[in-house]
């Protein structure tokens, strides 16, 4: 399965110039947050693939105007062609506002998912906005990852954790798009990336 992952910045090749070759063979689109709702809605016109999304810390407008034709998978497991996608958006809380959580609050979100995780026998892809603690995150509070994601990967061994939030320019020369954590491949979806599952 070819999966297009997106995050943080609307890709001009898809939005401004609409290079349809980028959508050829794509069977699933995963949006990791901080993207204009209009951008995701626009993409639904040019692909038959489901577009699943979680909210980023800058997506407060999604409450009133969510991406049309897309599926919000916050705190849920969505199954497409046998691939189980668990959605947990938001970032570490660094100021008042929506779509931000303390590590304790994220742990509570995960605990509330126990029945869905049990029923689906785990998950294959964790679709998140923020990274996991120490795996592609940054030391500053706004870009620190969640420890709860480490526990999820340790217990369920998903094939992928796909996230955004950490832009290449934040990490300067230390930016690595693909990392490994145990049996899980961790992908920073900034702008655009493809996964062949």
N, C-alpha and C. Protein backbone atom coordinates (compact mmCIF):
# COMPACT_ATOMS: atom_id res chain seq x y z
N UNK A 1 0.84 -1.19 0.00
CA UNK A 1 0.00 0.00 0.00
C UNK A 1 0.88 1.25 0.00
N UNK A 2 0.59 2.16 -0.90
CA UNK A 2 1.33 3.43 -0.96
C UNK A 2 0.57 4.47 -0.15
N UNK A 3 1.28 5.06 0.82
CA UNK A 3 0.67 6.02 1.73
C UNK A 3 1.38 7.36 1.58
N UNK A 4 0.61 8.41 1.38
CA UNK A 4 1.13 9.77 1.35
C UNK A 4 0.92 10.39 2.73
N UNK A 5 2.01 10.85 3.33
CA UNK A 5 1.90 11.50 4.64
C UNK A 5 2.25 12.98 4.48
N UNK A 6 1.49 13.82 5.18
CA UNK A 6 1.61 15.27 5.05
C UNK A 6 1.63 15.91 6.43
N UNK A 7 2.33 17.05 6.55
CA UNK A 7 2.29 17.76 7.81
C UNK A 7 2.84 19.17 7.68
N UNK A 8 2.26 20.07 8.45
CA UNK A 8 2.80 21.38 8.79
C UNK A 8 2.86 22.44 7.70
N UNK A 9 3.03 22.07 6.47
CA UNK A 9 3.10 23.06 5.39
C UNK A 9 2.42 22.49 4.16
N UNK A 10 1.57 23.29 3.54
CA UNK A 10 0.90 22.85 2.32
C UNK A 10 1.93 22.77 1.20
N UNK A 11 2.05 21.61 0.60
CA UNK A 11 3.04 21.37 -0.45
C UNK A 11 2.60 22.07 -1.74
N UNK A 12 3.40 22.99 -2.22
CA UNK A 12 3.05 23.73 -3.44
C UNK A 12 2.89 22.80 -4.64
N UNK A 13 3.66 21.72 -4.66
CA UNK A 13 3.55 20.77 -5.78
C UNK A 13 2.16 20.16 -5.86
N UNK A 14 1.50 20.02 -4.71
CA UNK A 14 0.15 19.45 -4.68
C UNK A 14 -0.93 20.53 -4.73
N UNK A 15 -0.71 21.66 -4.08
CA UNK A 15 -1.77 22.66 -3.96
C UNK A 15 -1.68 23.73 -5.06
N UNK A 16 -0.56 24.35 -5.22
CA UNK A 16 -0.43 25.42 -6.19
C UNK A 16 -0.32 24.89 -7.63
N UNK A 17 0.48 23.83 -7.81
CA UNK A 17 0.77 23.35 -9.15
C UNK A 17 0.05 22.05 -9.50
N UNK A 18 -0.52 21.39 -8.49
CA UNK A 18 -1.27 20.14 -8.65
C UNK A 18 -0.58 19.16 -9.59
N UNK A 19 0.55 18.68 -9.16
CA UNK A 19 1.26 17.63 -9.89
C UNK A 19 0.58 16.31 -9.56
N UNK A 20 -0.33 15.90 -10.42
CA UNK A 20 -1.15 14.71 -10.16
C UNK A 20 -0.33 13.43 -10.10
N UNK A 21 0.87 13.46 -10.66
CA UNK A 21 1.73 12.27 -10.59
C UNK A 21 2.04 11.90 -9.14
N UNK A 22 2.05 12.90 -8.26
CA UNK A 22 2.33 12.64 -6.85
C UNK A 22 1.22 11.83 -6.17
N UNK A 23 0.04 11.85 -6.75
CA UNK A 23 -1.09 11.12 -6.18
C UNK A 23 -1.32 9.75 -6.83
N UNK A 24 -0.56 9.45 -7.89
CA UNK A 24 -0.74 8.17 -8.58
C UNK A 24 -0.37 7.01 -7.66
N UNK A 25 -1.26 6.06 -7.57
CA UNK A 25 -1.00 4.86 -6.78
C UNK A 25 -1.18 5.05 -5.28
N UNK A 26 -1.52 6.25 -4.83
CA UNK A 26 -1.71 6.50 -3.40
C UNK A 26 -3.05 5.89 -2.96
N UNK A 27 -2.99 5.04 -1.93
CA UNK A 27 -4.20 4.37 -1.44
C UNK A 27 -4.69 4.92 -0.11
N UNK A 28 -3.84 5.71 0.55
CA UNK A 28 -4.21 6.28 1.84
C UNK A 28 -3.40 7.56 2.04
N UNK A 29 -4.05 8.59 2.58
CA UNK A 29 -3.37 9.85 2.89
C UNK A 29 -3.50 10.08 4.39
N UNK A 30 -2.38 10.35 5.05
CA UNK A 30 -2.37 10.62 6.48
C UNK A 30 -1.86 12.05 6.70
N UNK A 31 -2.68 12.88 7.31
CA UNK A 31 -2.33 14.28 7.57
C UNK A 31 -2.07 14.46 9.06
N UNK A 32 -0.85 14.91 9.38
CA UNK A 32 -0.38 14.96 10.77
C UNK A 32 -0.60 16.31 11.45
N UNK A 33 -1.40 17.18 10.88
CA UNK A 33 -1.76 18.41 11.57
C UNK A 33 -1.02 19.65 11.09
N UNK A 34 -1.55 20.79 11.54
CA UNK A 34 -1.06 22.13 11.19
C UNK A 34 -1.08 22.35 9.68
N UNK A 35 -2.16 21.90 9.06
CA UNK A 35 -2.37 22.10 7.63
C UNK A 35 -3.69 22.83 7.41
N UNK A 36 -3.76 23.72 6.42
CA UNK A 36 -5.03 24.39 6.15
C UNK A 36 -6.13 23.39 5.81
N UNK A 37 -7.29 23.57 6.39
CA UNK A 37 -8.42 22.67 6.10
C UNK A 37 -8.74 22.69 4.61
N UNK A 38 -8.61 23.86 3.99
CA UNK A 38 -8.91 24.00 2.56
C UNK A 38 -7.97 23.14 1.71
N UNK A 39 -6.75 23.00 2.15
CA UNK A 39 -5.76 22.19 1.44
C UNK A 39 -6.17 20.72 1.42
N UNK A 40 -6.54 20.21 2.60
CA UNK A 40 -6.96 18.80 2.67
C UNK A 40 -8.25 18.58 1.89
N UNK A 41 -9.20 19.53 1.99
CA UNK A 41 -10.45 19.41 1.24
C UNK A 41 -10.18 19.42 -0.26
N UNK A 42 -9.25 20.25 -0.69
CA UNK A 42 -8.86 20.33 -2.10
C UNK A 42 -8.34 18.98 -2.60
N UNK A 43 -7.53 18.32 -1.78
CA UNK A 43 -6.96 17.04 -2.19
C UNK A 43 -8.01 15.95 -2.37
N UNK A 44 -9.12 16.05 -1.65
CA UNK A 44 -10.17 15.03 -1.80
C UNK A 44 -10.75 15.01 -3.21
N UNK A 45 -10.60 16.10 -3.94
CA UNK A 45 -11.12 16.17 -5.31
C UNK A 45 -10.25 15.43 -6.31
N UNK A 46 -9.03 15.06 -5.89
CA UNK A 46 -8.07 14.51 -6.85
C UNK A 46 -7.54 13.12 -6.47
N UNK A 47 -8.10 12.55 -5.42
CA UNK A 47 -7.72 11.19 -5.04
C UNK A 47 -8.93 10.46 -4.48
N UNK A 48 -9.00 9.17 -4.75
CA UNK A 48 -10.04 8.33 -4.17
C UNK A 48 -9.61 7.79 -2.81
N UNK A 49 -8.35 8.00 -2.46
CA UNK A 49 -7.82 7.49 -1.19
C UNK A 49 -8.45 8.24 -0.02
N UNK A 50 -8.80 7.55 1.05
CA UNK A 50 -9.27 8.25 2.25
C UNK A 50 -8.18 9.18 2.78
N UNK A 51 -8.58 10.35 3.25
CA UNK A 51 -7.65 11.28 3.88
C UNK A 51 -7.99 11.32 5.36
N UNK A 52 -7.10 10.75 6.18
CA UNK A 52 -7.28 10.72 7.62
C UNK A 52 -6.44 11.83 8.22
N UNK A 53 -6.95 12.46 9.28
CA UNK A 53 -6.17 13.54 9.89
C UNK A 53 -6.31 13.57 11.40
N UNK A 54 -5.29 14.15 12.01
CA UNK A 54 -5.35 14.56 13.42
C UNK A 54 -5.06 16.06 13.45
N UNK A 55 -5.39 16.68 14.57
CA UNK A 55 -5.21 18.12 14.70
C UNK A 55 -3.81 18.44 15.26
N UNK A 56 -3.22 19.48 14.72
CA UNK A 56 -1.98 20.01 15.26
C UNK A 56 -2.28 21.12 16.25
N UNK A 57 -1.25 21.64 16.89
CA UNK A 57 -1.46 22.68 17.89
C UNK A 57 -1.93 24.00 17.29
N UNK A 58 -1.84 24.17 15.98
CA UNK A 58 -2.32 25.40 15.34
C UNK A 58 -3.63 25.20 14.57
N UNK A 59 -4.33 24.10 14.82
CA UNK A 59 -5.54 23.78 14.08
C UNK A 59 -6.82 24.12 14.83
N UNK A 60 -6.81 25.22 15.59
CA UNK A 60 -8.02 25.56 16.34
C UNK A 60 -9.21 25.85 15.43
N UNK A 61 -8.99 26.23 14.18
CA UNK A 61 -10.08 26.50 13.25
C UNK A 61 -10.81 25.26 12.78
N UNK A 62 -10.24 24.07 13.00
CA UNK A 62 -10.89 22.84 12.57
C UNK A 62 -12.22 22.60 13.29
N UNK A 63 -12.37 23.15 14.49
CA UNK A 63 -13.62 22.94 15.23
C UNK A 63 -14.81 23.51 14.47
N UNK A 64 -14.65 24.72 13.91
CA UNK A 64 -15.73 25.36 13.16
C UNK A 64 -15.72 24.97 11.69
N UNK A 65 -14.54 24.74 11.12
CA UNK A 65 -14.43 24.44 9.70
C UNK A 65 -13.46 23.28 9.48
N UNK A 66 -13.91 22.05 9.73
CA UNK A 66 -13.02 20.89 9.53
C UNK A 66 -12.79 20.64 8.04
N UNK A 67 -11.73 19.92 7.71
CA UNK A 67 -11.49 19.59 6.30
C UNK A 67 -12.65 18.73 5.75
N UNK A 68 -13.30 19.23 4.72
CA UNK A 68 -14.46 18.53 4.16
C UNK A 68 -14.01 17.29 3.39
N UNK A 69 -14.76 16.22 3.57
CA UNK A 69 -14.47 14.98 2.86
C UNK A 69 -13.35 14.16 3.48
N UNK A 70 -12.82 14.62 4.61
CA UNK A 70 -11.72 13.92 5.29
C UNK A 70 -12.25 13.29 6.58
N UNK A 71 -11.48 12.40 7.15
CA UNK A 71 -11.90 11.67 8.35
C UNK A 71 -10.98 12.01 9.51
N UNK A 72 -11.56 12.59 10.58
CA UNK A 72 -10.80 12.86 11.80
C UNK A 72 -10.69 11.55 12.59
N UNK A 73 -9.45 11.18 12.93
CA UNK A 73 -9.23 9.92 13.65
C UNK A 73 -8.71 10.18 15.07
N UNK A 74 -8.97 11.36 15.59
CA UNK A 74 -8.55 11.67 16.97
C UNK A 74 -9.15 10.65 17.93
N UNK A 75 -8.31 10.06 18.76
CA UNK A 75 -8.76 9.12 19.79
C UNK A 75 -9.58 7.97 19.22
N UNK A 76 -9.17 7.50 18.06
CA UNK A 76 -9.91 6.43 17.41
C UNK A 76 -8.94 5.56 16.60
N UNK A 77 -9.44 4.40 16.18
CA UNK A 77 -8.69 3.52 15.30
C UNK A 77 -9.52 3.35 14.03
N UNK A 78 -8.91 3.68 12.90
CA UNK A 78 -9.55 3.58 11.60
C UNK A 78 -8.84 2.46 10.83
N UNK A 79 -9.62 1.56 10.24
CA UNK A 79 -9.03 0.44 9.52
C UNK A 79 -9.29 0.62 8.03
N UNK A 80 -8.20 0.61 7.24
CA UNK A 80 -8.30 0.72 5.79
C UNK A 80 -7.50 -0.40 5.16
N UNK A 81 -8.19 -1.27 4.42
CA UNK A 81 -7.56 -2.43 3.78
C UNK A 81 -6.70 -3.21 4.76
N UNK A 82 -7.21 -3.37 5.97
CA UNK A 82 -6.52 -4.15 6.99
C UNK A 82 -5.47 -3.40 7.78
N UNK A 83 -5.17 -2.16 7.40
CA UNK A 83 -4.17 -1.35 8.11
C UNK A 83 -4.89 -0.53 9.18
N UNK A 84 -4.47 -0.71 10.43
CA UNK A 84 -5.10 -0.05 11.58
C UNK A 84 -4.33 1.23 11.92
N UNK A 85 -5.04 2.36 11.85
CA UNK A 85 -4.43 3.66 12.10
C UNK A 85 -5.02 4.25 13.38
N UNK A 86 -4.16 4.50 14.35
CA UNK A 86 -4.56 5.11 15.62
C UNK A 86 -4.20 6.60 15.58
N UNK A 87 -5.15 7.46 15.88
CA UNK A 87 -4.92 8.90 15.81
C UNK A 87 -4.83 9.57 17.18
N UNK A 88 -3.73 10.29 17.41
CA UNK A 88 -3.54 11.07 18.64
C UNK A 88 -2.84 12.38 18.28
N UNK A 89 -3.62 13.40 18.02
CA UNK A 89 -3.06 14.69 17.62
C UNK A 89 -2.69 15.56 18.80
N UNK A 90 -2.24 16.77 18.47
CA UNK A 90 -1.87 17.75 19.48
C UNK A 90 -0.40 17.72 19.83
N UNK A 91 0.00 18.74 20.57
CA UNK A 91 1.41 18.85 20.99
C UNK A 91 1.47 19.00 22.50
N UNK A 92 2.70 19.06 22.99
CA UNK A 92 2.91 19.32 24.42
C UNK A 92 2.33 20.69 24.75
N UNK A 93 1.67 20.78 25.90
CA UNK A 93 1.07 22.07 26.31
C UNK A 93 2.18 23.03 26.73
N UNK A 94 2.26 24.16 26.01
CA UNK A 94 3.24 25.19 26.33
C UNK A 94 2.60 26.55 26.53
N UNK A 95 1.26 26.63 26.35
CA UNK A 95 0.49 27.84 26.60
C UNK A 95 -0.98 27.43 26.65
N UNK A 96 -1.87 28.29 27.11
CA UNK A 96 -3.30 27.95 27.10
C UNK A 96 -3.80 27.82 25.66
N UNK A 97 -4.72 26.92 25.45
CA UNK A 97 -5.29 26.76 24.13
C UNK A 97 -5.64 25.32 23.82
N UNK A 98 -6.36 25.11 22.71
CA UNK A 98 -6.77 23.75 22.34
C UNK A 98 -5.63 22.97 21.70
N UNK A 99 -5.83 21.67 21.61
CA UNK A 99 -4.92 20.75 20.91
C UNK A 99 -3.53 20.72 21.53
N UNK A 100 -3.45 20.98 22.84
CA UNK A 100 -2.19 20.87 23.57
C UNK A 100 -2.46 20.10 24.85
N UNK A 101 -1.49 19.26 25.24
CA UNK A 101 -1.70 18.35 26.35
C UNK A 101 -0.42 18.24 27.18
N UNK A 102 -0.59 18.04 28.46
CA UNK A 102 0.55 17.65 29.29
C UNK A 102 0.80 16.16 29.02
N UNK A 103 1.92 15.66 29.48
CA UNK A 103 2.17 14.22 29.31
C UNK A 103 1.11 13.41 30.05
N UNK A 104 0.69 13.91 31.22
CA UNK A 104 -0.35 13.22 31.99
C UNK A 104 -1.67 13.18 31.20
N UNK A 105 -2.03 14.30 30.58
CA UNK A 105 -3.28 14.35 29.80
C UNK A 105 -3.21 13.41 28.60
N UNK A 106 -2.05 13.31 27.97
CA UNK A 106 -1.92 12.38 26.84
C UNK A 106 -2.01 10.93 27.34
N UNK A 107 -1.44 10.65 28.51
CA UNK A 107 -1.56 9.31 29.09
C UNK A 107 -3.02 8.95 29.33
N UNK A 108 -3.80 9.91 29.80
CA UNK A 108 -5.22 9.67 30.05
C UNK A 108 -5.94 9.37 28.73
N UNK A 109 -5.61 10.12 27.66
CA UNK A 109 -6.20 9.85 26.35
C UNK A 109 -5.91 8.41 25.92
N UNK A 110 -4.67 7.99 26.13
CA UNK A 110 -4.28 6.63 25.74
C UNK A 110 -5.02 5.59 26.58
N UNK A 111 -5.12 5.82 27.88
CA UNK A 111 -5.84 4.88 28.75
C UNK A 111 -7.29 4.70 28.32
N UNK A 112 -7.91 5.77 27.87
CA UNK A 112 -9.31 5.70 27.42
C UNK A 112 -9.48 4.89 26.15
N UNK A 113 -8.38 4.61 25.47
CA UNK A 113 -8.44 3.84 24.23
C UNK A 113 -8.30 2.33 24.45
N UNK A 114 -8.21 1.89 25.71
CA UNK A 114 -7.89 0.49 25.98
C UNK A 114 -8.83 -0.48 25.27
N UNK A 115 -10.13 -0.18 25.26
CA UNK A 115 -11.07 -1.12 24.65
C UNK A 115 -10.87 -1.19 23.14
N UNK A 116 -10.68 -0.03 22.49
CA UNK A 116 -10.45 -0.02 21.05
C UNK A 116 -9.15 -0.75 20.70
N UNK A 117 -8.12 -0.53 21.50
CA UNK A 117 -6.84 -1.21 21.27
C UNK A 117 -6.99 -2.72 21.46
N UNK A 118 -7.75 -3.11 22.46
CA UNK A 118 -7.99 -4.54 22.70
C UNK A 118 -8.80 -5.15 21.56
N UNK A 119 -9.87 -4.47 21.17
CA UNK A 119 -10.75 -5.00 20.13
C UNK A 119 -10.04 -5.14 18.78
N UNK A 120 -9.16 -4.18 18.46
CA UNK A 120 -8.44 -4.21 17.18
C UNK A 120 -7.10 -4.95 17.27
N UNK A 121 -6.80 -5.45 18.47
CA UNK A 121 -5.53 -6.15 18.70
C UNK A 121 -4.34 -5.27 18.33
N UNK A 122 -4.39 -4.05 18.83
CA UNK A 122 -3.31 -3.11 18.59
C UNK A 122 -3.55 -2.25 17.37
N UNK A 123 -2.46 -1.78 16.77
CA UNK A 123 -2.56 -0.88 15.61
C UNK A 123 -1.27 -0.99 14.82
N UNK A 124 -1.33 -0.54 13.57
CA UNK A 124 -0.17 -0.61 12.67
C UNK A 124 0.55 0.73 12.52
N UNK A 125 -0.22 1.80 12.57
CA UNK A 125 0.34 3.14 12.39
C UNK A 125 -0.21 4.06 13.47
N UNK A 126 0.68 4.75 14.16
CA UNK A 126 0.28 5.81 15.07
C UNK A 126 0.39 7.11 14.31
N UNK A 127 -0.74 7.75 14.06
CA UNK A 127 -0.80 9.04 13.37
C UNK A 127 -0.88 10.11 14.43
N UNK A 128 0.17 10.93 14.54
CA UNK A 128 0.26 11.93 15.61
C UNK A 128 0.71 13.26 15.01
N UNK A 129 0.58 14.30 15.79
CA UNK A 129 1.18 15.57 15.39
C UNK A 129 2.57 15.69 16.01
N UNK A 130 2.66 15.46 17.29
CA UNK A 130 3.94 15.56 17.99
C UNK A 130 4.70 14.24 17.91
N UNK A 131 6.00 14.28 18.05
CA UNK A 131 6.79 13.03 18.08
C UNK A 131 6.73 12.38 19.46
N UNK A 132 7.43 11.27 19.57
CA UNK A 132 7.61 10.61 20.86
C UNK A 132 8.80 11.24 21.58
N UNK A 133 8.81 11.15 22.88
CA UNK A 133 9.89 11.72 23.68
C UNK A 133 11.23 11.10 23.28
N UNK A 134 12.18 11.96 22.89
CA UNK A 134 13.52 11.50 22.58
C UNK A 134 13.69 10.86 21.22
N UNK A 135 12.63 10.84 20.41
CA UNK A 135 12.70 10.20 19.08
C UNK A 135 12.25 11.22 18.03
N UNK A 136 13.18 12.09 17.65
CA UNK A 136 12.86 13.10 16.64
C UNK A 136 12.27 14.37 17.20
N UNK A 137 12.25 14.51 18.52
CA UNK A 137 11.71 15.73 19.12
C UNK A 137 12.84 16.72 19.35
N UNK A 138 12.54 17.84 20.00
CA UNK A 138 13.52 18.86 20.34
C UNK A 138 13.47 19.08 21.85
N UNK A 139 14.51 19.65 22.44
CA UNK A 139 14.54 19.81 23.90
C UNK A 139 13.61 20.90 24.45
N UNK A 140 13.19 21.86 23.61
CA UNK A 140 12.30 22.92 24.10
C UNK A 140 10.90 22.36 24.32
N UNK A 141 10.19 22.91 25.31
CA UNK A 141 8.87 22.39 25.69
C UNK A 141 7.89 22.32 24.52
N UNK A 142 7.75 23.35 23.68
CA UNK A 142 6.76 23.25 22.60
C UNK A 142 7.00 22.07 21.64
N UNK A 143 8.25 21.64 21.49
CA UNK A 143 8.54 20.59 20.52
C UNK A 143 9.01 19.29 21.17
N UNK A 144 8.82 19.19 22.48
CA UNK A 144 9.15 17.96 23.18
C UNK A 144 8.10 16.90 22.85
N UNK A 145 8.53 15.66 22.75
CA UNK A 145 7.61 14.57 22.43
C UNK A 145 6.94 13.99 23.67
N UNK A 146 5.99 13.10 23.41
CA UNK A 146 5.21 12.49 24.49
C UNK A 146 5.79 11.13 24.90
N UNK A 147 5.93 10.95 26.21
CA UNK A 147 6.36 9.66 26.74
C UNK A 147 5.29 8.60 26.50
N UNK A 148 4.03 9.01 26.46
CA UNK A 148 2.94 8.06 26.22
C UNK A 148 3.12 7.32 24.90
N UNK A 149 3.72 7.97 23.91
CA UNK A 149 3.93 7.32 22.61
C UNK A 149 4.99 6.22 22.72
N UNK A 150 5.98 6.44 23.59
CA UNK A 150 6.98 5.39 23.81
C UNK A 150 6.33 4.14 24.38
N UNK A 151 5.44 4.34 25.35
CA UNK A 151 4.77 3.20 25.96
C UNK A 151 3.89 2.47 24.94
N UNK A 152 3.22 3.23 24.07
CA UNK A 152 2.40 2.60 23.02
C UNK A 152 3.27 1.76 22.09
N UNK A 153 4.41 2.29 21.70
CA UNK A 153 5.29 1.54 20.79
C UNK A 153 5.90 0.33 21.49
N UNK A 154 6.25 0.48 22.77
CA UNK A 154 6.81 -0.64 23.52
C UNK A 154 5.81 -1.78 23.66
N UNK A 155 4.55 -1.44 23.82
CA UNK A 155 3.55 -2.47 24.06
C UNK A 155 3.00 -3.09 22.78
N UNK A 156 2.74 -2.25 21.75
CA UNK A 156 2.03 -2.74 20.56
C UNK A 156 2.92 -2.92 19.33
N UNK A 157 4.13 -2.41 19.35
CA UNK A 157 5.07 -2.56 18.25
C UNK A 157 4.46 -2.23 16.89
N UNK A 158 3.90 -1.03 16.73
CA UNK A 158 3.35 -0.67 15.42
C UNK A 158 4.45 -0.58 14.38
N UNK A 159 4.08 -0.68 13.12
CA UNK A 159 5.08 -0.59 12.05
C UNK A 159 5.59 0.84 11.90
N UNK A 160 4.70 1.81 12.12
CA UNK A 160 5.08 3.22 11.92
C UNK A 160 4.49 4.12 13.00
N UNK A 161 5.25 5.14 13.35
CA UNK A 161 4.75 6.34 14.02
C UNK A 161 5.01 7.46 13.03
N UNK A 162 3.94 8.12 12.60
CA UNK A 162 4.05 9.22 11.65
C UNK A 162 3.66 10.50 12.38
N UNK A 163 4.53 11.50 12.35
CA UNK A 163 4.26 12.75 13.06
C UNK A 163 4.75 13.93 12.24
N UNK A 164 4.47 15.12 12.73
CA UNK A 164 4.98 16.36 12.14
C UNK A 164 5.56 17.21 13.25
N UNK A 165 5.16 18.47 13.27
CA UNK A 165 5.45 19.41 14.36
C UNK A 165 6.89 19.90 14.41
N UNK A 166 7.86 19.04 14.17
CA UNK A 166 9.27 19.44 14.21
C UNK A 166 9.72 19.72 12.77
N UNK A 167 9.89 20.99 12.47
CA UNK A 167 10.28 21.39 11.12
C UNK A 167 11.78 21.19 10.92
N UNK A 168 12.22 20.94 9.71
CA UNK A 168 13.67 20.75 9.47
C UNK A 168 14.51 21.93 9.94
N UNK A 169 14.00 23.14 9.77
CA UNK A 169 14.78 24.31 10.16
C UNK A 169 14.98 24.42 11.68
N UNK A 170 14.11 23.77 12.46
CA UNK A 170 14.30 23.77 13.92
C UNK A 170 15.53 22.96 14.31
N UNK A 171 15.77 21.90 13.56
CA UNK A 171 16.84 20.98 13.92
C UNK A 171 18.16 21.30 13.20
N UNK A 172 18.11 22.25 12.26
CA UNK A 172 19.30 22.64 11.49
C UNK A 172 19.93 21.39 10.86
N UNK A 173 21.17 21.14 11.14
CA UNK A 173 21.86 20.01 10.50
C UNK A 173 21.53 18.67 11.15
N UNK A 174 20.82 18.69 12.27
CA UNK A 174 20.51 17.44 12.98
C UNK A 174 19.16 16.84 12.59
N UNK A 175 18.52 17.36 11.55
CA UNK A 175 17.20 16.85 11.16
C UNK A 175 17.34 15.49 10.49
N UNK A 176 16.60 14.52 11.01
CA UNK A 176 16.54 13.19 10.42
C UNK A 176 15.07 12.85 10.22
N UNK A 177 14.70 12.61 8.97
CA UNK A 177 13.28 12.36 8.67
C UNK A 177 12.82 10.99 9.15
N UNK A 178 13.66 9.98 9.02
CA UNK A 178 13.27 8.61 9.36
C UNK A 178 14.20 8.08 10.45
N UNK A 179 13.59 7.61 11.54
CA UNK A 179 14.32 7.04 12.67
C UNK A 179 13.74 5.67 12.99
N UNK A 180 14.46 4.90 13.76
CA UNK A 180 13.95 3.60 14.22
C UNK A 180 13.85 3.62 15.74
N UNK A 181 12.74 3.06 16.24
CA UNK A 181 12.57 2.87 17.68
C UNK A 181 12.06 1.45 17.86
N UNK A 182 12.91 0.57 18.31
CA UNK A 182 12.52 -0.84 18.44
C UNK A 182 12.08 -1.37 17.08
N UNK A 183 10.85 -1.89 17.01
CA UNK A 183 10.32 -2.44 15.77
C UNK A 183 9.55 -1.40 14.96
N UNK A 184 9.55 -0.16 15.41
CA UNK A 184 8.76 0.90 14.79
C UNK A 184 9.64 1.86 14.00
N UNK A 185 9.22 2.15 12.78
CA UNK A 185 9.86 3.19 11.97
C UNK A 185 9.14 4.50 12.25
N UNK A 186 9.90 5.51 12.64
CA UNK A 186 9.34 6.82 12.99
C UNK A 186 9.62 7.78 11.84
N UNK A 187 8.56 8.37 11.28
CA UNK A 187 8.68 9.23 10.11
C UNK A 187 8.19 10.64 10.45
N UNK A 188 9.02 11.63 10.18
CA UNK A 188 8.60 13.03 10.26
C UNK A 188 8.00 13.37 8.90
N UNK A 189 6.71 13.66 8.89
CA UNK A 189 5.95 13.85 7.65
C UNK A 189 6.01 15.27 7.11
N UNK A 190 6.89 16.10 7.63
CA UNK A 190 6.94 17.50 7.23
C UNK A 190 6.78 17.66 5.72
N UNK A 191 5.82 18.46 5.33
CA UNK A 191 5.48 18.77 3.95
C UNK A 191 4.91 17.55 3.23
N UNK A 192 5.77 16.60 2.82
CA UNK A 192 5.29 15.43 2.07
C UNK A 192 6.31 14.30 2.15
N UNK A 193 5.78 13.08 2.31
CA UNK A 193 6.65 11.91 2.31
C UNK A 193 5.79 10.71 1.90
N UNK A 194 6.40 9.70 1.32
CA UNK A 194 5.68 8.50 0.91
C UNK A 194 6.17 7.30 1.69
N UNK A 195 5.22 6.46 2.08
CA UNK A 195 5.52 5.19 2.74
C UNK A 195 4.92 4.09 1.88
N UNK A 196 5.71 3.06 1.61
CA UNK A 196 5.22 1.88 0.92
C UNK A 196 5.12 0.75 1.93
N UNK A 197 3.89 0.43 2.29
CA UNK A 197 3.63 -0.53 3.35
C UNK A 197 3.44 -1.91 2.74
